[in-house]
C-alpha cells in the first residue's frame, strides 16, 4: 500500500521495527558473473532473473532489509532493469524493506530525477531506500532527502567506505573534522530538524542514514545521527558482529550489517539461503 505524503512513520523507524523482528541484517542481491556460474546459471538475462527471484524467495520473511546491487542489473540494459523492477515489486508485496544500491549523486534537477526514479511513488524502480554519494556536496542531495521524508522512504549516504582508495579523501580534515564526520554531522542536523517539526519529536529515528565500513580503524562518530547505519564488510571482508557492535554502541538498534557473498555462496537452493540468513541474522539481535 502506498505511504501517504508526509507520512509520520520514517524509514528509520520502519528499519528499527524490521530489525527487531528479524535481526539487524541487510542481505545483498549481487548477481556477479562468478556467482551465476557457481549457481549453474547462464550469464544472461535468464540467469539474472533466476538468481534474483531465488534470492527474493529466500530473503522475504527472513531478512530485515534486502539490497539489490543496481550495477549488476544495469549491465543488461533495459532487460536487466525489468528484472530489478520485478524484484522490487515482489519485495514490496511481501513487506520486506528494499534498498536500491545505486550510489547516485548529482545536483539540481538531475538529482530530483534520481529521487523520482528510486523513491517516487509512481516509479517502477521505487525502493524503500536508496544509496547516494555526497561528494558534490551533502546539500546537493536535498531533492532525494525531501522525497524520502515526504514518502516515508529512506536514504543511505556514503560517509566512510572501506575501500582503500577512499581513505585519503574521507579522512581529510576541515575545521577540525574529517570529511566523513562532516557528512554524518550534516545528516544528523537534518534528522534532528525534521524530528523537531514532527510534533517536536526529536527522538524520532530519521529517514537519513549513512554507509560506514565495518572494517574501518577510525570511523566517524555516529552518536548524534539518529538514523540507520549500513555496515558493509561483514563476513567475507573480515568484519565481525563484534565490530558492528563497537561501531554502533551508542544506538545498536540502528546498525544493520550488510552481508552478501557469505550468504549468496550458500545458494542456489532456497532452503539453504534461508538457513544462511536466519543463522547470520541471529548474530545481530539484542
Protein backbone atom coordinates (compact mmCIF):
# COMPACT_ATOMS: atom_id res chain seq x y z
CA UNK A 1 0.00 0.00 0.00
CA UNK A 2 1.47 3.42 -0.93
CA UNK A 3 2.54 5.55 2.00
CA UNK A 4 0.77 8.89 2.35
CA UNK A 5 2.59 12.14 1.72
CA UNK A 6 4.18 13.46 4.91
CA UNK A 7 3.90 10.01 6.48
CA UNK A 8 4.58 10.22 10.23
CA UNK A 9 6.44 6.89 10.07
CA UNK A 10 10.01 7.43 8.92
CA UNK A 11 12.13 4.89 7.12
CA UNK A 12 14.40 4.82 10.17
CA UNK A 13 11.54 3.70 12.39
CA UNK A 14 10.45 1.09 9.86
CA UNK A 15 14.01 -0.24 9.75
CA UNK A 16 14.20 -0.46 13.54
CA UNK A 17 10.94 -2.43 13.59
CA UNK A 18 12.19 -4.83 10.91
CA UNK A 19 15.46 -5.30 12.78
CA UNK A 20 13.66 -6.20 15.98
CA UNK A 21 11.53 -8.75 14.17
CA UNK A 22 14.20 -10.39 12.00
CA UNK A 23 17.61 -9.29 13.23
CA UNK A 24 19.57 -6.29 12.02
CA UNK A 25 20.80 -7.77 8.75
CA UNK A 26 20.80 -6.36 5.23
CA UNK A 27 21.35 -9.05 2.60
CA UNK A 28 22.63 -8.18 -0.84
CA UNK A 29 21.38 -9.44 -4.17
CA UNK A 30 24.65 -9.28 -6.08
CA UNK A 31 24.47 -11.31 -9.30
CA UNK A 32 28.19 -11.32 -10.04
CA UNK A 33 29.06 -13.38 -13.13
CA UNK A 34 31.08 -15.75 -10.93
CA UNK A 35 28.08 -16.33 -8.65
CA UNK A 36 25.83 -17.00 -11.63
CA UNK A 37 28.36 -19.62 -12.75
CA UNK A 38 28.62 -21.08 -9.25
CA UNK A 39 24.84 -21.49 -9.20
CA UNK A 40 24.94 -23.21 -12.60
CA UNK A 41 23.23 -20.26 -14.32
CA UNK A 42 23.96 -18.59 -17.62
CA UNK A 43 25.46 -15.08 -17.63
CA UNK A 44 22.46 -13.58 -19.41
CA UNK A 45 19.08 -12.10 -18.50
CA UNK A 46 17.55 -15.55 -17.95
CA UNK A 47 20.27 -16.40 -15.45
CA UNK A 48 19.93 -12.98 -13.86
CA UNK A 49 16.21 -13.42 -13.35
CA UNK A 50 16.51 -16.91 -11.89
CA UNK A 51 19.25 -15.78 -9.50
CA UNK A 52 17.37 -12.66 -8.43
CA UNK A 53 13.96 -14.20 -7.87
CA UNK A 54 15.52 -17.13 -5.99
CA UNK A 55 17.09 -14.58 -3.66
CA UNK A 56 13.78 -12.75 -3.24
CA UNK A 57 12.00 -16.01 -2.36
CA UNK A 58 14.69 -16.86 0.19
CA UNK A 59 15.04 -13.44 1.78
CA UNK A 60 11.45 -12.26 2.28
CA UNK A 61 10.36 -13.12 5.78
CA UNK A 62 13.94 -13.76 6.91
CA UNK A 63 15.95 -10.57 6.25
CA UNK A 64 15.18 -7.16 7.70
CA UNK A 65 16.39 -5.47 4.53
CA UNK A 66 17.36 -6.63 1.03
CA UNK A 67 19.82 -4.66 -1.12
CA UNK A 68 19.94 -5.30 -4.88
CA UNK A 69 23.20 -4.01 -6.36
CA UNK A 70 21.93 -1.94 -9.27
CA UNK A 71 25.12 -2.19 -11.36
CA UNK A 72 24.65 -5.91 -11.93
CA UNK A 73 21.19 -5.28 -13.38
CA UNK A 74 22.18 -2.18 -15.33
CA UNK A 75 24.81 -4.13 -17.26
CA UNK A 76 21.99 -5.97 -19.06
CA UNK A 77 20.27 -2.76 -20.16
CA UNK A 78 16.50 -2.46 -20.22
CA UNK A 79 16.03 -6.20 -19.71
CA UNK A 80 18.12 -6.06 -16.55
CA UNK A 81 16.13 -3.14 -15.22
CA UNK A 82 12.94 -5.10 -15.93
CA UNK A 83 14.25 -7.89 -13.67
CA UNK A 84 15.09 -5.33 -10.99
CA UNK A 85 11.59 -3.84 -11.23
CA UNK A 86 10.10 -7.30 -10.76
CA UNK A 87 12.30 -7.98 -7.73
CA UNK A 88 11.49 -4.65 -6.07
CA UNK A 89 7.77 -5.20 -6.66
CA UNK A 90 7.97 -8.67 -5.09
CA UNK A 91 9.80 -7.30 -2.05
CA UNK A 92 7.12 -4.61 -1.62
CA UNK A 93 4.32 -7.14 -1.90
CA UNK A 94 5.94 -9.24 0.82
CA UNK A 95 6.55 -6.31 3.23
CA UNK A 96 10.31 -6.66 3.01
CA UNK A 97 12.35 -3.45 3.09
CA UNK A 98 14.34 -2.88 -0.08
CA UNK A 99 17.47 -0.78 -0.53
CA UNK A 100 18.48 0.05 -4.10
CA UNK A 101 22.27 0.24 -4.09
CA UNK A 102 22.50 2.81 -6.87
CA UNK A 103 25.02 5.28 -5.38
CA UNK A 104 23.61 8.21 -7.33
CA UNK A 105 24.74 11.78 -6.76
CA UNK A 106 24.27 14.99 -8.74
CA UNK A 107 22.83 18.50 -8.47
CA UNK A 108 19.57 20.29 -9.12
CA UNK A 109 17.01 18.80 -11.49
CA UNK A 110 19.24 15.79 -12.20
CA UNK A 111 19.23 14.82 -8.54
CA UNK A 112 15.48 15.37 -8.47
CA UNK A 113 15.23 12.94 -11.38
CA UNK A 114 17.17 10.32 -9.46
CA UNK A 115 14.92 10.91 -6.45
CA UNK A 116 11.82 10.27 -8.58
CA UNK A 117 13.39 7.20 -10.17
CA UNK A 118 14.31 5.42 -6.94
CA UNK A 119 11.84 6.78 -4.38
CA UNK A 120 8.96 8.31 -6.35
CA UNK A 121 5.52 6.88 -5.68
CA UNK A 122 4.83 6.15 -9.36
CA UNK A 123 8.24 4.82 -10.37
CA UNK A 124 8.51 1.11 -11.26
CA UNK A 125 12.01 1.20 -9.75
CA UNK A 126 10.90 2.62 -6.41
CA UNK A 127 12.56 1.09 -3.38
CA UNK A 128 12.18 1.73 0.32
CA UNK A 129 15.59 3.39 0.34
CA UNK A 130 18.48 4.23 -1.97
CA UNK A 131 22.23 4.79 -1.59
CA UNK A 132 23.66 8.12 -2.72
CA UNK A 133 27.08 9.77 -2.93
CA UNK A 134 27.66 13.12 -1.17
CA UNK A 135 30.77 14.27 -2.97
CA UNK A 136 29.08 17.05 -4.91
CA UNK A 137 28.02 18.36 -1.51
CA UNK A 138 25.55 16.97 1.02
CA UNK A 139 23.23 19.89 0.33
CA UNK A 140 23.05 18.91 -3.36
CA UNK A 141 21.22 15.77 -2.26
CA UNK A 142 18.27 17.75 -0.89
CA UNK A 143 15.83 16.54 -3.60
CA UNK A 144 16.29 12.92 -2.57
CA UNK A 145 16.15 13.85 1.12
CA UNK A 146 12.88 15.71 0.57
CA UNK A 147 11.41 12.80 -1.36
CA UNK A 148 12.39 10.33 1.35
CA UNK A 149 10.93 12.42 4.14
CA UNK A 150 7.68 13.06 2.26
CA UNK A 151 7.06 9.41 1.39
CA UNK A 152 8.31 7.52 4.44
CA UNK A 153 11.28 6.20 2.46
CA UNK A 154 14.97 6.47 3.25
CA UNK A 155 18.44 7.41 2.04
CA UNK A 156 21.83 5.96 2.90
CA UNK A 157 24.64 8.43 2.21
CA UNK A 158 28.17 7.16 1.66
CA UNK A 159 30.13 8.58 4.59
CA UNK A 160 33.15 6.36 5.27
CA UNK A 161 33.60 3.49 2.88
CA UNK A 162 36.20 0.79 3.46
CA UNK A 163 37.84 0.72 0.03
CA UNK A 164 41.47 1.86 0.33
CA UNK A 165 41.13 4.48 -2.43
CA UNK A 166 38.58 6.41 -0.35
CA UNK A 167 40.65 6.83 2.80
CA UNK A 168 42.70 9.81 1.61
CA UNK A 169 39.58 11.80 0.71
CA UNK A 170 37.25 10.79 3.53
CA UNK A 171 39.87 11.34 6.24
CA UNK A 172 40.81 14.86 5.10
CA UNK A 173 40.28 17.31 7.95
CA UNK A 174 38.38 20.58 7.50
CA UNK A 175 37.96 22.84 10.54
CA UNK A 176 38.89 20.01 12.88
CA UNK A 177 36.52 17.39 11.43
CA UNK A 178 37.12 14.75 8.79
CA UNK A 179 35.13 14.89 5.57
CA UNK A 180 33.37 11.69 6.66
CA UNK A 181 32.44 13.20 10.01
CA UNK A 182 31.08 16.34 8.34
CA UNK A 183 28.81 14.17 6.19
CA UNK A 184 27.49 12.38 9.28
CA UNK A 185 27.03 15.64 11.18
CA UNK A 186 25.08 17.32 8.37
CA UNK A 187 22.71 14.38 8.21
CA UNK A 188 22.33 14.38 12.00
CA UNK A 189 21.32 18.03 11.86
CA UNK A 190 18.71 17.35 9.20
CA UNK A 191 17.29 14.34 11.04
CA UNK A 192 17.02 16.45 14.20
CA UNK A 193 15.36 19.33 12.36
CA UNK A 194 12.75 17.07 10.72
CA UNK A 195 12.05 15.39 14.06
CA UNK A 196 11.56 18.76 15.71
CA UNK A 197 9.00 19.69 13.07
CA UNK A 198 7.09 16.45 13.59
CA UNK A 199 5.27 17.30 16.81
CA UNK A 200 8.57 18.20 18.41
CA UNK A 201 9.65 14.54 18.43
CA UNK A 202 13.42 14.97 18.23
CA UNK A 203 13.93 11.35 19.27
CA UNK A 204 12.11 10.04 16.19
CA UNK A 205 14.51 7.92 14.13
CA UNK A 206 15.21 9.83 10.94
CA UNK A 207 14.95 8.87 7.29
CA UNK A 208 18.57 9.71 6.55
CA UNK A 209 21.26 7.17 7.25
CA UNK A 210 24.89 6.56 6.36
CA UNK A 211 27.14 3.86 4.99
CA UNK A 212 30.18 3.19 7.19
CA UNK A 213 32.58 0.34 6.52
CA UNK A 214 32.68 -2.14 9.38
CA UNK A 215 36.38 -2.76 8.77
CA UNK A 216 37.47 0.84 9.39
CA UNK A 217 40.02 1.58 12.11
CA UNK A 218 38.94 5.21 12.59
CA UNK A 219 35.25 5.52 11.71
CA UNK A 220 33.27 8.73 12.20
CA UNK A 221 31.28 9.17 15.38
CA UNK A 222 27.66 8.19 14.93
CA UNK A 223 26.25 9.13 18.35
CA UNK A 224 24.15 12.07 17.12
CA UNK A 225 22.99 10.69 13.76
CA UNK A 226 19.68 9.20 14.92
CA UNK A 227 19.33 7.44 11.58
CA UNK A 228 20.08 3.96 10.25
CA UNK A 229 23.65 2.86 9.61
CA UNK A 230 24.57 0.34 6.91
CA UNK A 231 27.79 -1.51 7.71
CA UNK A 232 29.33 -3.35 4.75
CA UNK A 233 32.43 -5.50 5.12
CA UNK A 234 30.97 -8.13 7.45
CA UNK A 235 31.76 -11.74 6.66
CA UNK A 236 33.88 -12.27 3.55
CA UNK A 237 35.69 -8.94 4.01
CA UNK A 238 36.67 -9.73 7.58
CA UNK A 239 34.50 -7.63 9.89
CA UNK A 240 32.68 -9.42 12.72
CA UNK A 241 29.50 -8.90 14.75
CA UNK A 242 31.74 -7.51 17.49
CA UNK A 243 33.00 -4.84 15.08
CA UNK A 244 29.40 -3.89 14.25
CA UNK A 245 28.51 -3.63 17.94
CA UNK A 246 31.55 -1.44 18.62
CA UNK A 247 30.69 0.95 15.81
CA UNK A 248 27.04 1.29 16.82
CA UNK A 249 27.30 1.01 20.60
CA UNK A 250 25.51 4.35 21.12
CA UNK A 251 22.40 3.09 19.29
CA UNK A 252 22.77 -0.59 18.39
CA UNK A 253 19.20 -0.81 17.08
CA UNK A 254 20.21 1.48 14.21
CA UNK A 255 23.13 -0.60 12.90
CA UNK A 256 22.49 -3.02 10.01
CA UNK A 257 25.25 -5.39 8.98
CA UNK A 258 25.46 -5.85 5.22
CA UNK A 259 26.31 -9.44 4.31
CA UNK A 260 26.20 -10.64 0.73
CA UNK A 261 28.85 -13.06 -0.50
CA UNK A 262 28.89 -15.24 2.61
CA UNK A 263 25.14 -15.84 2.21
CA UNK A 264 24.92 -15.98 -1.58
CA UNK A 265 27.68 -18.60 -1.67
CA UNK A 266 25.24 -20.94 0.09
CA UNK A 267 22.90 -20.97 -2.94
CA UNK A 268 21.27 -21.91 -5.20
CA UNK A 269 18.72 -23.77 -3.08
CA UNK A 270 16.16 -21.51 -1.41
CA UNK A 271 16.18 -23.56 1.79
CA UNK A 272 19.96 -23.22 2.13
CA UNK A 273 19.83 -19.48 1.52
CA UNK A 274 17.05 -19.01 4.05
CA UNK A 275 19.01 -21.01 6.63
CA UNK A 276 22.09 -18.85 6.00
CA UNK A 277 20.08 -15.65 6.50
CA UNK A 278 18.46 -16.88 9.71
CA UNK A 279 21.79 -18.05 11.16
CA UNK A 280 23.55 -14.80 10.25
CA UNK A 281 20.70 -12.57 11.43
CA UNK A 282 20.79 -14.30 14.84
CA UNK A 283 24.21 -12.68 15.38
CA UNK A 284 22.65 -9.22 15.07
CA UNK A 285 19.86 -9.39 17.63
CA UNK A 286 19.73 -7.79 21.06
